[in-house]
Amino acid sequence: MAYYDTEPPYTHGDQLKVGILLANLGTPDAPTAKALRPYLKQFLMDTRVVEIPKLIWYWILHCIILVIRPKKSAEKYAQVWSSEGSPLLVHAQKQTKMLEGFLAQHIKSPFAVALGMTYGNPSMQQAIDTLKAQHCNKILVFPLYPQYAASSTAAAFDAIWRILLKTRNVPAIRTIKHYHDHPAYIAALAANVREHWRLNGGKPTKLVMSFHGVPKFHLMKGDPYHCECHKTARLLAEALELTKDEYVVAFQSRFGKQEWLKPYLASTLEALGKANTKRIDVICPGFSSDCLETLEEIAMEGEHIFKSNGGGDYHYIPALNESELWIQAMTQITLENLQGWVSPSWDNAAAKNTSDMTKLRAQSLGAKQ
């Protein structure tokens, strides 16, 4: 068996392109236990996600979690699954198409955009194969995680490195580590919140900014995620002209018994409910697309916790999804990281002439194509 994957067909003179790979976490193929089982297995077997000795975790995962959790998770996915499919995938695909259109207004040289998921489909392998098939010899990896975390951003990078280990003709790679404090990203968030307030009667009593949680030891061992979440929250609050008493930061989706980043969202919502808070709005700044976590855990479960403890009105503010300001922000971040790789003044005729000359030189040296 060959060690390296087969390279796509190439003809001397083919126009080379720059590729942009949008990377997101992933989603099951269907809201069923059968589809959830392989997805959860791939996700939870990643040591970036679960840092427990493999032999111990293998037993726990296969004998307990994968026996019980697929059915429960499938029931939750079924509540948010749309006629188009998985919300995360639908939004991410639309973002990919829109980003390509926005970039075309600024870039004249050849480029291509593809979507890849760390877990599930479309996989990172499919994304890289798609870009290489279009002769992309340079690829910019754009994780759809504003705040860097080893369990999300680095996991996406790992998925790409594993593919490149089996690639004979490795493209040049650039990665975007984070953009948690990028002015365009903060402006898009602020505009999203203001629009929600305009449509829903103004500011709430409290704005809750909830980020995905990670175990506390990640922070203690050097992961900057906690700090980047708080910086995003501070900058968003400043953009919205909120006082410290008008917003709170919390962390959601705790898993297992170990201590995670605090305060926990569930505890925060319970406390706000018991304080008879008249209205809260909840936003998840770390999510570029709405998904199971935002639509079920935050919009549904969060509302239940808050109201069942005496709280008043509860509003979930949708993720940035396909908002024009967010796609503009993505475009700006992409262009900043493509400097030297793309050109706004690329000349098609000159490029074709260069390609033709390359082909002629190769043929003069004995190349058949």
Protein backbone atom coordinates (compact mmCIF):
# COMPACT_ATOMS: atom_id res chain seq x y z
CA MET A 1 0.00 0.00 0.00
CA ALA A 2 1.32 3.45 -0.95
CA TYR A 3 2.41 5.62 1.96
CA TYR A 4 1.32 8.87 0.32
CA ASP A 5 -2.11 9.72 -1.02
CA THR A 6 -2.48 10.02 -4.79
CA GLU A 7 -1.95 13.53 -6.10
CA PRO A 8 -4.66 15.07 -8.32
CA PRO A 9 -4.02 15.19 -12.09
CA TYR A 10 -1.74 18.03 -13.14
CA THR A 11 -0.92 19.47 -16.54
CA HIS A 12 2.06 21.78 -17.04
CA GLY A 13 0.71 25.27 -17.39
CA ASP A 14 -2.32 24.75 -15.14
CA GLN A 15 -3.10 27.97 -13.29
CA LEU A 16 -2.17 27.75 -9.62
CA LYS A 17 -4.55 29.14 -7.01
CA VAL A 18 -4.64 30.20 -3.38
CA GLY A 19 -7.04 28.23 -1.19
CA ILE A 20 -8.96 29.39 1.86
CA LEU A 21 -10.07 26.57 4.14
CA LEU A 22 -12.83 27.47 6.61
CA ALA A 23 -12.57 25.10 9.56
CA ASN A 24 -15.35 24.32 12.00
CA LEU A 25 -16.00 21.65 14.63
CA GLY A 26 -18.46 19.42 12.80
CA THR A 27 -21.89 17.84 12.97
CA PRO A 28 -23.44 14.38 12.58
CA ASP A 29 -24.88 13.46 9.19
CA ALA A 30 -28.37 12.98 10.63
CA PRO A 31 -30.23 13.46 13.94
CA THR A 32 -30.18 9.73 14.71
CA ALA A 33 -28.38 7.55 17.22
CA LYS A 34 -26.81 5.62 14.34
CA ALA A 35 -25.29 8.82 12.91
CA LEU A 36 -24.32 10.20 16.32
CA ARG A 37 -22.30 7.17 17.39
CA PRO A 38 -19.39 7.49 14.89
CA TYR A 39 -19.46 11.28 15.17
CA LEU A 40 -19.22 11.22 18.97
CA LYS A 41 -16.56 8.52 18.82
CA GLN A 42 -14.37 10.60 16.51
CA PHE A 43 -14.94 13.74 18.59
CA LEU A 44 -14.43 12.23 22.04
CA MET A 45 -11.43 10.09 21.07
CA ASP A 46 -9.46 13.25 20.22
CA THR A 47 -6.91 13.85 22.99
CA ARG A 48 -7.27 17.58 22.34
CA VAL A 49 -10.84 17.25 23.59
CA VAL A 50 -10.46 14.69 26.38
CA GLU A 51 -7.11 14.51 28.20
CA ILE A 52 -7.59 11.26 30.09
CA PRO A 53 -5.21 8.26 29.79
CA LYS A 54 -6.30 6.41 26.66
CA LEU A 55 -6.89 2.96 28.16
CA ILE A 56 -9.14 4.34 30.91
CA TRP A 57 -10.99 6.67 28.57
CA TYR A 58 -11.41 3.98 25.90
CA TRP A 59 -13.32 1.81 28.37
CA ILE A 60 -15.47 4.70 29.65
CA LEU A 61 -16.25 5.90 26.13
CA HIS A 62 -17.12 2.55 24.56
CA CYS A 63 -18.81 0.89 27.54
CA ILE A 64 -20.78 3.83 28.91
CA ILE A 65 -20.89 7.02 26.84
CA LEU A 66 -21.35 5.52 23.36
CA VAL A 67 -24.02 3.21 24.75
CA ILE A 68 -26.10 5.94 26.38
CA ARG A 69 -25.30 9.31 24.82
CA PRO A 70 -26.05 8.80 21.06
CA LYS A 71 -29.78 8.34 21.66
CA LYS A 72 -30.02 11.32 24.02
CA SER A 73 -27.97 13.54 21.72
CA ALA A 74 -30.03 12.48 18.71
CA GLU A 75 -33.20 13.58 20.48
CA LYS A 76 -31.68 17.01 21.06
CA TYR A 77 -30.44 17.30 17.48
CA ALA A 78 -33.92 16.42 16.23
CA GLN A 79 -35.29 19.51 18.01
CA VAL A 80 -33.05 21.90 16.03
CA TRP A 81 -32.60 20.01 12.73
CA SER A 82 -34.05 22.01 9.84
CA SER A 83 -35.45 20.99 6.47
CA GLU A 84 -32.05 21.98 5.02
CA GLY A 85 -30.15 19.83 7.50
CA SER A 86 -27.83 20.52 10.42
CA PRO A 87 -27.98 24.23 11.39
CA LEU A 88 -24.22 24.48 11.83
CA LEU A 89 -23.53 22.95 8.43
CA VAL A 90 -26.20 25.03 6.68
CA HIS A 91 -24.84 28.28 8.11
CA ALA A 92 -21.21 27.31 7.46
CA GLN A 93 -21.96 26.45 3.83
CA LYS A 94 -23.69 29.79 3.31
CA GLN A 95 -20.75 31.60 4.95
CA THR A 96 -18.37 29.79 2.60
CA LYS A 97 -20.30 30.84 -0.50
CA MET A 98 -20.74 34.42 0.70
CA LEU A 99 -17.08 34.81 1.65
CA GLU A 100 -16.07 33.63 -1.81
CA GLY A 101 -18.30 36.31 -3.35
CA PHE A 102 -17.03 39.08 -1.06
CA LEU A 103 -13.39 38.12 -1.67
CA ALA A 104 -13.95 38.21 -5.43
CA GLN A 105 -14.61 41.94 -5.08
CA HIS A 106 -11.07 42.43 -3.73
CA ILE A 107 -8.99 39.68 -5.33
CA LYS A 108 -8.36 39.31 -9.05
CA SER A 109 -5.84 36.47 -8.85
CA PRO A 110 -7.23 32.89 -8.77
CA PHE A 111 -8.47 31.55 -5.43
CA ALA A 112 -10.90 28.98 -4.05
CA VAL A 113 -12.78 28.57 -0.75
CA ALA A 114 -13.67 25.24 0.87
CA LEU A 115 -15.30 24.17 4.13
CA GLY A 116 -13.83 21.44 6.31
CA MET A 117 -14.91 19.95 9.65
CA THR A 118 -12.60 18.56 12.31
CA TYR A 119 -15.16 15.81 12.94
CA GLY A 120 -17.81 14.53 10.54
CA ASN A 121 -18.52 15.78 7.03
CA PRO A 122 -17.40 17.59 4.97
CA SER A 123 -14.11 16.41 6.44
CA MET A 124 -10.79 18.21 6.39
CA GLN A 125 -9.62 15.55 3.94
CA GLN A 126 -12.47 16.43 1.58
CA ALA A 127 -11.70 20.15 1.91
CA ILE A 128 -8.00 19.75 1.17
CA ASP A 129 -8.72 17.34 -1.71
CA THR A 130 -11.13 19.92 -3.15
CA LEU A 131 -8.56 22.70 -2.95
CA LYS A 132 -5.69 20.59 -4.32
CA ALA A 133 -7.89 19.42 -7.21
CA GLN A 134 -8.21 23.10 -8.13
CA HIS A 135 -4.40 23.41 -8.08
CA CYS A 136 -4.19 25.38 -4.82
CA ASN A 137 -0.51 25.35 -3.89
CA LYS A 138 -1.06 27.75 -0.98
CA ILE A 139 -3.78 27.34 1.67
CA LEU A 140 -4.90 29.71 4.40
CA VAL A 141 -6.64 27.93 7.28
CA PHE A 142 -9.37 30.10 8.82
CA PRO A 143 -10.83 28.44 11.97
CA LEU A 144 -14.33 29.69 12.72
CA TYR A 145 -13.36 30.04 16.39
CA PRO A 146 -12.63 33.67 17.35
CA GLN A 147 -10.96 32.63 20.62
CA TYR A 148 -8.07 30.16 20.45
CA ALA A 149 -8.39 26.95 22.46
CA ALA A 150 -6.32 23.80 22.22
CA SER A 151 -9.54 21.76 22.16
CA SER A 152 -11.01 23.61 19.17
CA THR A 153 -8.53 25.63 17.09
CA ALA A 154 -5.55 23.35 17.67
CA ALA A 155 -7.72 20.28 17.09
CA ALA A 156 -8.61 21.67 13.65
CA PHE A 157 -4.92 22.26 12.90
CA ASP A 158 -4.10 18.70 14.04
CA ALA A 159 -6.66 17.30 11.60
CA ILE A 160 -4.94 19.18 8.78
CA TRP A 161 -1.41 18.17 9.83
CA ARG A 162 -2.45 14.50 9.87
CA ILE A 163 -3.58 14.82 6.26
CA LEU A 164 -0.41 16.61 5.21
CA LEU A 165 1.69 13.80 6.71
CA LYS A 166 0.27 11.62 3.92
CA THR A 167 0.59 14.28 1.22
CA ARG A 168 3.48 14.11 -1.26
CA ASN A 169 3.14 17.64 -2.66
CA VAL A 170 2.42 19.64 0.49
CA PRO A 171 0.98 23.12 -0.16
CA ALA A 172 2.26 26.18 1.66
CA ILE A 173 0.13 26.63 4.78
CA ARG A 174 -0.82 29.72 6.78
CA THR A 175 -3.05 29.57 9.83
CA ILE A 176 -5.15 32.17 11.62
CA LYS A 177 -4.75 31.51 15.32
CA HIS A 178 -7.46 33.86 16.64
CA TYR A 179 -9.31 37.12 16.08
CA HIS A 180 -11.00 37.53 19.45
CA ASP A 181 -10.12 41.23 19.57
CA HIS A 182 -10.25 42.10 15.89
CA PRO A 183 -12.15 45.41 15.48
CA ALA A 184 -14.26 44.08 12.58
CA TYR A 185 -15.33 41.01 14.57
CA ILE A 186 -16.22 43.13 17.61
CA ALA A 187 -18.12 45.59 15.40
CA ALA A 188 -20.13 42.73 13.85
CA LEU A 189 -21.02 41.39 17.30
CA ALA A 190 -22.04 44.83 18.56
CA ALA A 191 -24.20 45.48 15.48
CA ASN A 192 -25.88 42.10 15.95
CA VAL A 193 -26.74 42.93 19.57
CA ARG A 194 -27.98 46.44 18.74
CA GLU A 195 -30.25 45.06 16.01
CA HIS A 196 -31.70 42.56 18.46
CA TRP A 197 -32.34 45.33 20.97
CA ARG A 198 -33.97 47.47 18.29
CA LEU A 199 -36.41 44.69 17.50
CA ASN A 200 -37.03 43.68 21.12
CA GLY A 201 -37.61 46.85 23.09
CA GLY A 202 -34.12 48.01 23.94
CA LYS A 203 -31.52 46.87 26.46
CA PRO A 204 -32.20 44.00 28.88
CA THR A 205 -31.63 44.14 32.62
CA LYS A 206 -28.53 42.03 32.06
CA LEU A 207 -26.60 40.85 28.99
CA VAL A 208 -25.14 37.39 29.54
CA MET A 209 -22.12 36.57 27.37
CA SER A 210 -21.71 32.81 27.39
CA PHE A 211 -18.67 31.00 25.99
CA HIS A 212 -18.08 27.29 25.57
CA GLY A 213 -16.43 25.94 28.70
CA VAL A 214 -13.19 23.98 29.02
CA PRO A 215 -11.64 22.23 32.03
CA LYS A 216 -9.94 24.67 34.41
CA PHE A 217 -6.62 22.83 34.17
CA HIS A 218 -6.36 23.91 30.51
CA LEU A 219 -6.01 27.48 31.77
CA MET A 220 -3.55 26.47 34.49
CA LYS A 221 -1.38 24.70 31.89
CA GLY A 222 -1.18 27.69 29.57
CA ASP A 223 -4.22 27.71 27.28
CA PRO A 224 -5.09 31.39 26.59
CA TYR A 225 -8.79 30.68 25.91
CA HIS A 226 -10.10 32.03 29.22
CA CYS A 227 -8.26 35.33 28.80
CA GLU A 228 -9.35 35.74 25.18
CA CYS A 229 -13.02 35.16 26.09
CA HIS A 230 -12.85 37.87 28.74
CA LYS A 231 -11.13 40.28 26.35
CA THR A 232 -13.86 39.71 23.74
CA ALA A 233 -16.49 40.33 26.42
CA ARG A 234 -14.82 43.52 27.61
CA LEU A 235 -14.44 44.91 24.08
CA LEU A 236 -18.04 44.04 23.21
CA ALA A 237 -19.30 45.69 26.40
CA GLU A 238 -17.29 48.81 25.59
CA ALA A 239 -18.69 48.89 22.05
CA LEU A 240 -22.20 48.63 23.49
CA GLU A 241 -21.42 51.22 26.19
CA LEU A 242 -22.38 48.81 28.98
CA THR A 243 -21.34 49.27 32.59
CA LYS A 244 -19.85 46.34 34.53
CA ASP A 245 -23.22 45.83 36.23
CA GLU A 246 -25.04 45.46 32.92
CA TYR A 247 -23.32 42.30 31.69
CA VAL A 248 -21.87 39.05 32.98
CA VAL A 249 -19.54 36.42 31.48
CA ALA A 250 -20.29 32.72 31.93
CA PHE A 251 -19.22 29.36 30.51
CA GLN A 252 -21.51 26.62 29.19
CA SER A 253 -21.48 22.92 28.27
CA ARG A 254 -19.65 21.48 31.24
CA PHE A 255 -18.95 17.74 30.85
CA GLY A 256 -17.83 15.34 33.58
CA LYS A 257 -17.11 15.95 37.27
CA GLN A 258 -13.86 17.92 37.12
CA GLU A 259 -13.84 21.68 37.62
CA TRP A 260 -14.34 23.76 34.48
CA LEU A 261 -14.05 27.47 33.85
CA LYS A 262 -16.43 29.43 36.07
CA PRO A 263 -18.96 30.83 36.52
CA TYR A 264 -21.06 28.07 35.00
CA LEU A 265 -23.90 29.34 32.81
CA ALA A 266 -26.53 27.13 34.46
CA SER A 267 -25.63 28.49 37.91
CA THR A 268 -25.59 32.05 36.57
CA LEU A 269 -29.06 31.69 35.03
CA GLU A 270 -30.41 30.12 38.20
CA ALA A 271 -29.04 32.97 40.33
CA LEU A 272 -30.42 35.62 37.97
CA GLY A 273 -33.80 33.90 38.03
CA LYS A 274 -33.89 33.73 41.82
CA ALA A 275 -33.02 37.43 41.91
CA ASN A 276 -36.23 38.02 39.90
CA THR A 277 -34.28 39.64 37.08
CA LYS A 278 -36.83 41.26 34.78
CA ARG A 279 -35.12 40.40 31.49
CA ILE A 280 -31.87 38.90 30.30
CA ASP A 281 -30.44 38.51 26.81
CA VAL A 282 -27.91 35.74 26.18
CA ILE A 283 -25.30 35.87 23.43
CA CYS A 284 -22.58 33.32 22.57
CA PRO A 285 -19.72 35.36 21.02
CA GLY A 286 -17.54 32.30 20.43
CA PHE A 287 -19.95 30.73 17.93
CA SER A 288 -19.88 31.95 14.33
CA SER A 289 -22.90 29.77 13.49
CA ASP A 290 -25.92 28.65 15.42
CA CYS A 291 -25.79 24.96 16.28
CA LEU A 292 -27.04 22.39 18.79
CA GLU A 293 -25.39 24.19 21.70
CA THR A 294 -26.85 27.60 20.97
CA LEU A 295 -30.28 26.53 19.72
CA GLU A 296 -31.00 23.78 22.26
CA GLU A 297 -28.75 24.27 25.29
CA ILE A 298 -28.85 28.06 25.35
CA ALA A 299 -32.13 29.04 23.68
CA MET A 300 -34.23 26.20 25.16
CA GLU A 301 -32.58 24.77 28.29
CA GLY A 302 -31.27 28.17 29.35
CA GLU A 303 -34.71 29.72 29.18
CA HIS A 304 -36.16 26.89 31.25
CA ILE A 305 -33.54 27.29 33.99
CA PHE A 306 -33.98 31.05 34.15
CA LYS A 307 -37.78 31.13 34.16
CA SER A 308 -38.26 28.13 36.45
CA ASN A 309 -36.25 30.00 39.07
CA GLY A 310 -38.36 33.14 38.94
CA GLY A 311 -36.81 35.04 36.05
CA GLY A 312 -38.76 37.24 33.64
CA ASP A 313 -38.19 37.59 29.89
CA TYR A 314 -35.44 35.53 28.30
CA HIS A 315 -34.00 36.23 24.86
CA TYR A 316 -31.29 34.34 22.99
CA ILE A 317 -29.43 36.56 20.50
CA PRO A 318 -28.66 34.50 17.36
CA ALA A 319 -25.07 33.91 16.28
CA LEU A 320 -23.53 36.03 13.52
CA ASN A 321 -24.40 33.36 10.94
CA GLU A 322 -24.65 35.08 7.51
CA SER A 323 -24.94 38.70 8.67
CA GLU A 324 -23.32 41.00 6.14
CA LEU A 325 -21.08 42.69 8.72
CA TRP A 326 -19.75 39.30 9.79
CA ILE A 327 -18.97 38.23 6.23
CA GLN A 328 -17.28 41.62 5.73
CA ALA A 329 -15.26 40.97 8.89
CA MET A 330 -14.31 37.51 7.62
CA THR A 331 -13.25 39.11 4.35
CA GLN A 332 -11.06 41.67 6.11
CA ILE A 333 -9.43 39.06 8.35
CA THR A 334 -8.82 36.82 5.34
CA LEU A 335 -7.26 39.59 3.25
CA GLU A 336 -4.97 40.61 6.10
CA ASN A 337 -3.66 37.05 6.29
CA LEU A 338 -3.34 36.61 2.51
CA GLN A 339 -0.92 39.48 2.02
CA GLY A 340 1.72 38.55 -0.54
CA TRP A 341 -0.32 35.57 -1.77
CA VAL A 342 -3.06 37.33 -3.72
CA SER A 343 -3.25 40.42 -5.89
CA PRO A 344 -5.98 42.98 -6.65
CA SER A 345 -4.23 43.85 -9.93
CA TRP A 346 -3.70 40.36 -11.35
CA ASP A 347 -3.69 40.29 -15.16
CA ASN A 348 -5.37 37.28 -16.74
CA ALA A 349 -3.70 37.69 -20.13
CA ALA A 350 -0.23 37.95 -18.59
CA ALA A 351 -0.90 34.93 -16.37
CA LYS A 352 -2.07 32.87 -19.36
CA ASN A 353 1.04 33.84 -21.29
CA THR A 354 3.21 32.72 -18.36
CA SER A 355 1.31 29.41 -18.14
CA ASP A 356 1.71 28.79 -21.87
CA MET A 357 5.45 29.45 -21.66
CA THR A 358 5.72 27.08 -18.69
CA LYS A 359 3.99 24.36 -20.67
CA LEU A 360 6.22 24.88 -23.71
CA ARG A 361 9.39 24.70 -21.58
CA ALA A 362 8.18 21.50 -19.92
CA GLN A 363 7.39 19.93 -23.29
CA SER A 364 10.82 20.89 -24.60
CA LEU A 365 12.26 18.89 -21.68
CA GLY A 366 10.20 15.84 -22.61
CA ALA A 367 6.99 16.33 -20.61
CA LYS A 368 3.90 14.83 -22.26
CA GLN A 369 1.52 17.36 -20.74
